Amino acid sequence: MVPMPGDGDAFLGFATEFADGERWKLLQSEGWDDFQVRLAEVVGELPVRRRQALMMLLLAMVDHTVDSAQVREFLDAHDASTEEGVEAVIAWLRQKRRERG
């Protein structure tokens, strides 16, 4: 597997944060302002596919296409710090969206 250059850790950090159900609940209430600032600062600097995966993941969680436990399970089974792992996240989210209809 080929590691992603640059801000790979930022993508994985946010994805892991989304996978933590308790942190996600906090972000939706008390920590929302901080979350918005951090996300805005990082998104523009991410490589395009990582940015795409992060936005897809965020929207899928907001839309309840996936939940924190599903994200955690997926991240535990895939190395999202690599190009292949990011592509797997994108493919997984597309599949979940199709399943939801």
C-alpha atoms as a PDB file:
ATOM      1  CA  MET A   1       0.000   0.000   0.000  1.00  0.00           C
ATOM      2  CA  VAL A   2       1.237   3.449  -0.886  1.00  0.00           C
ATOM      3  CA  PRO A   3       1.069   6.041   1.918  1.00  0.00           C
ATOM      4  CA  MET A   4      -0.588   9.339   1.038  1.00  0.00           C
ATOM      5  CA  PRO A   5       1.701  12.361   0.937  1.00  0.00           C
ATOM      6  CA  GLY A   6       1.081  15.472   2.988  1.00  0.00           C
ATOM      7  CA  ASP A   7      -1.991  15.749   5.168  1.00  0.00           C
ATOM      8  CA  GLY A   8      -2.924  12.088   5.388  1.00  0.00           C
ATOM      9  CA  ASP A   9      -3.033  12.258   9.150  1.00  0.00           C
ATOM     10  CA  ALA A  10      -5.585  15.103   9.051  1.00  0.00           C
ATOM     11  CA  PHE A  11      -7.985  12.991   6.997  1.00  0.00           C
ATOM     12  CA  LEU A  12      -7.529   9.965   9.218  1.00  0.00           C
ATOM     13  CA  GLY A  13      -7.848  12.140  12.314  1.00  0.00           C
ATOM     14  CA  PHE A  14     -11.229  13.494  11.237  1.00  0.00           C
ATOM     15  CA  ALA A  15     -12.435  10.081  10.067  1.00  0.00           C
ATOM     16  CA  THR A  16     -11.452   8.595  13.422  1.00  0.00           C
ATOM     17  CA  GLU A  17     -13.190  11.447  15.214  1.00  0.00           C
ATOM     18  CA  PHE A  18     -16.381  10.697  13.262  1.00  0.00           C
ATOM     19  CA  ALA A  19     -16.050   7.050  14.273  1.00  0.00           C
ATOM     20  CA  ASP A  20     -16.010   7.943  17.960  1.00  0.00           C
ATOM     21  CA  GLY A  21     -19.703   8.071  18.803  1.00  0.00           C
ATOM     22  CA  GLU A  22     -19.233  10.073  21.973  1.00  0.00           C
ATOM     23  CA  ARG A  23     -17.032  12.682  20.293  1.00  0.00           C
ATOM     24  CA  TRP A  24     -19.480  12.916  17.371  1.00  0.00           C
ATOM     25  CA  LYS A  25     -22.318  13.673  19.829  1.00  0.00           C
ATOM     26  CA  LEU A  26     -20.180  16.380  21.419  1.00  0.00           C
ATOM     27  CA  LEU A  27     -19.356  17.895  18.043  1.00  0.00           C
ATOM     28  CA  GLN A  28     -23.031  18.172  17.172  1.00  0.00           C
ATOM     29  CA  SER A  29     -23.629  20.288  20.256  1.00  0.00           C
ATOM     30  CA  GLU A  30     -20.984  21.909  22.446  1.00  0.00           C
ATOM     31  CA  GLY A  31     -17.925  21.540  20.238  1.00  0.00           C
ATOM     32  CA  TRP A  32     -19.500  22.525  16.931  1.00  0.00           C
ATOM     33  CA  ASP A  33     -17.762  25.914  16.544  1.00  0.00           C
ATOM     34  CA  ASP A  34     -14.308  24.453  17.125  1.00  0.00           C
ATOM     35  CA  PHE A  35     -15.086  21.565  14.777  1.00  0.00           C
ATOM     36  CA  GLN A  36     -16.161  23.939  11.985  1.00  0.00           C
ATOM     37  CA  VAL A  37     -12.989  25.984  12.287  1.00  0.00           C
ATOM     38  CA  ARG A  38     -10.700  22.936  12.318  1.00  0.00           C
ATOM     39  CA  LEU A  39     -12.522  21.348   9.379  1.00  0.00           C
ATOM     40  CA  ALA A  40     -12.398  24.560   7.323  1.00  0.00           C
ATOM     41  CA  GLU A  41      -8.677  24.963   7.992  1.00  0.00           C
ATOM     42  CA  VAL A  42      -7.813  21.408   6.958  1.00  0.00           C
ATOM     43  CA  VAL A  43     -10.149  20.691   4.036  1.00  0.00           C
ATOM     44  CA  GLY A  44      -8.524  23.008   1.511  1.00  0.00           C
ATOM     45  CA  GLU A  45      -5.107  21.545   2.193  1.00  0.00           C
ATOM     46  CA  LEU A  46      -6.070  17.885   1.752  1.00  0.00           C
ATOM     47  CA  PRO A  47      -5.376  16.065  -1.509  1.00  0.00           C
ATOM     48  CA  VAL A  48      -8.532  15.958  -3.643  1.00  0.00           C
ATOM     49  CA  ARG A  49      -9.505  12.318  -3.026  1.00  0.00           C
ATOM     50  CA  ARG A  50      -9.011  12.680   0.724  1.00  0.00           C
ATOM     51  CA  ARG A  51     -11.132  15.843   0.654  1.00  0.00           C
ATOM     52  CA  GLN A  52     -13.786  13.952  -1.287  1.00  0.00           C
ATOM     53  CA  ALA A  53     -13.738  11.032   1.146  1.00  0.00           C
ATOM     54  CA  LEU A  54     -13.940  13.345   4.148  1.00  0.00           C
ATOM     55  CA  MET A  55     -16.914  15.266   2.746  1.00  0.00           C
ATOM     56  CA  MET A  56     -18.651  12.037   1.730  1.00  0.00           C
ATOM     57  CA  LEU A  57     -18.093  10.634   5.221  1.00  0.00           C
ATOM     58  CA  LEU A  58     -19.384  13.757   6.934  1.00  0.00           C
ATOM     59  CA  LEU A  59     -22.494  13.902   4.739  1.00  0.00           C
ATOM     60  CA  ALA A  60     -23.156  10.178   5.143  1.00  0.00           C
ATOM     61  CA  MET A  61     -23.086  10.574   8.904  1.00  0.00           C
ATOM     62  CA  VAL A  62     -25.279  13.662   8.909  1.00  0.00           C
ATOM     63  CA  ASP A  63     -27.713  11.869   6.585  1.00  0.00           C
ATOM     64  CA  HIS A  64     -27.590   8.731   8.794  1.00  0.00           C
ATOM     65  CA  THR A  65     -26.394   6.596   5.895  1.00  0.00           C
ATOM     66  CA  VAL A  66     -23.689   5.322   8.262  1.00  0.00           C
ATOM     67  CA  ASP A  67     -23.220   5.674  11.994  1.00  0.00           C
ATOM     68  CA  SER A  68     -20.167   5.963  14.208  1.00  0.00           C
ATOM     69  CA  ALA A  69     -20.003   2.228  14.893  1.00  0.00           C
ATOM     70  CA  GLN A  70     -20.023   1.411  11.171  1.00  0.00           C
ATOM     71  CA  VAL A  71     -17.284   3.954  10.497  1.00  0.00           C
ATOM     72  CA  ARG A  72     -15.184   2.557  13.357  1.00  0.00           C
ATOM     73  CA  GLU A  73     -15.621  -0.998  12.059  1.00  0.00           C
ATOM     74  CA  PHE A  74     -14.653   0.052   8.540  1.00  0.00           C
ATOM     75  CA  LEU A  75     -11.600   2.019   9.680  1.00  0.00           C
ATOM     76  CA  ASP A  76     -10.457  -0.878  11.858  1.00  0.00           C
ATOM     77  CA  ALA A  77     -10.560  -3.164   8.807  1.00  0.00           C
ATOM     78  CA  HIS A  78      -8.933  -0.762   6.296  1.00  0.00           C
ATOM     79  CA  ASP A  79      -5.816   1.368   6.323  1.00  0.00           C
ATOM     80  CA  ALA A  80      -7.227   4.801   5.490  1.00  0.00           C
ATOM     81  CA  SER A  81      -3.744   6.320   5.614  1.00  0.00           C
ATOM     82  CA  THR A  82      -3.012   4.963   2.120  1.00  0.00           C
ATOM     83  CA  GLU A  83      -4.335   5.850  -1.314  1.00  0.00           C
ATOM     84  CA  GLU A  84      -5.943   2.416  -1.516  1.00  0.00           C
ATOM     85  CA  GLY A  85      -7.583   2.940   1.859  1.00  0.00           C
ATOM     86  CA  VAL A  86      -9.046   6.293   0.820  1.00  0.00           C
ATOM     87  CA  GLU A  87     -10.395   4.723  -2.370  1.00  0.00           C
ATOM     88  CA  ALA A  88     -11.922   1.966  -0.225  1.00  0.00           C
ATOM     89  CA  VAL A  89     -13.645   4.587   1.970  1.00  0.00           C
ATOM     90  CA  ILE A  90     -15.107   6.273  -1.119  1.00  0.00           C
ATOM     91  CA  ALA A  91     -16.286   2.961  -2.605  1.00  0.00           C
ATOM     92  CA  TRP A  92     -17.792   1.891   0.740  1.00  0.00           C
ATOM     93  CA  LEU A  93     -19.705   5.142   1.142  1.00  0.00           C
ATOM     94  CA  ARG A  94     -21.001   4.958  -2.428  1.00  0.00           C
ATOM     95  CA  GLN A  95     -22.201   1.408  -1.772  1.00  0.00           C
ATOM     96  CA  LYS A  96     -23.897   2.432   1.483  1.00  0.00           C
ATOM     97  CA  ARG A  97     -25.650   5.266  -0.367  1.00  0.00           C
ATOM     98  CA  ARG A  98     -26.894   2.872  -3.071  1.00  0.00           C
ATOM     99  CA  GLU A  99     -28.143   0.442  -0.418  1.00  0.00           C
ATOM    100  CA  ARG A 100     -30.052   3.231   1.265  1.00  0.00           C
ATOM    101  CA  GLY A 101     -31.684   4.220  -1.997  1.00  0.00           C
END
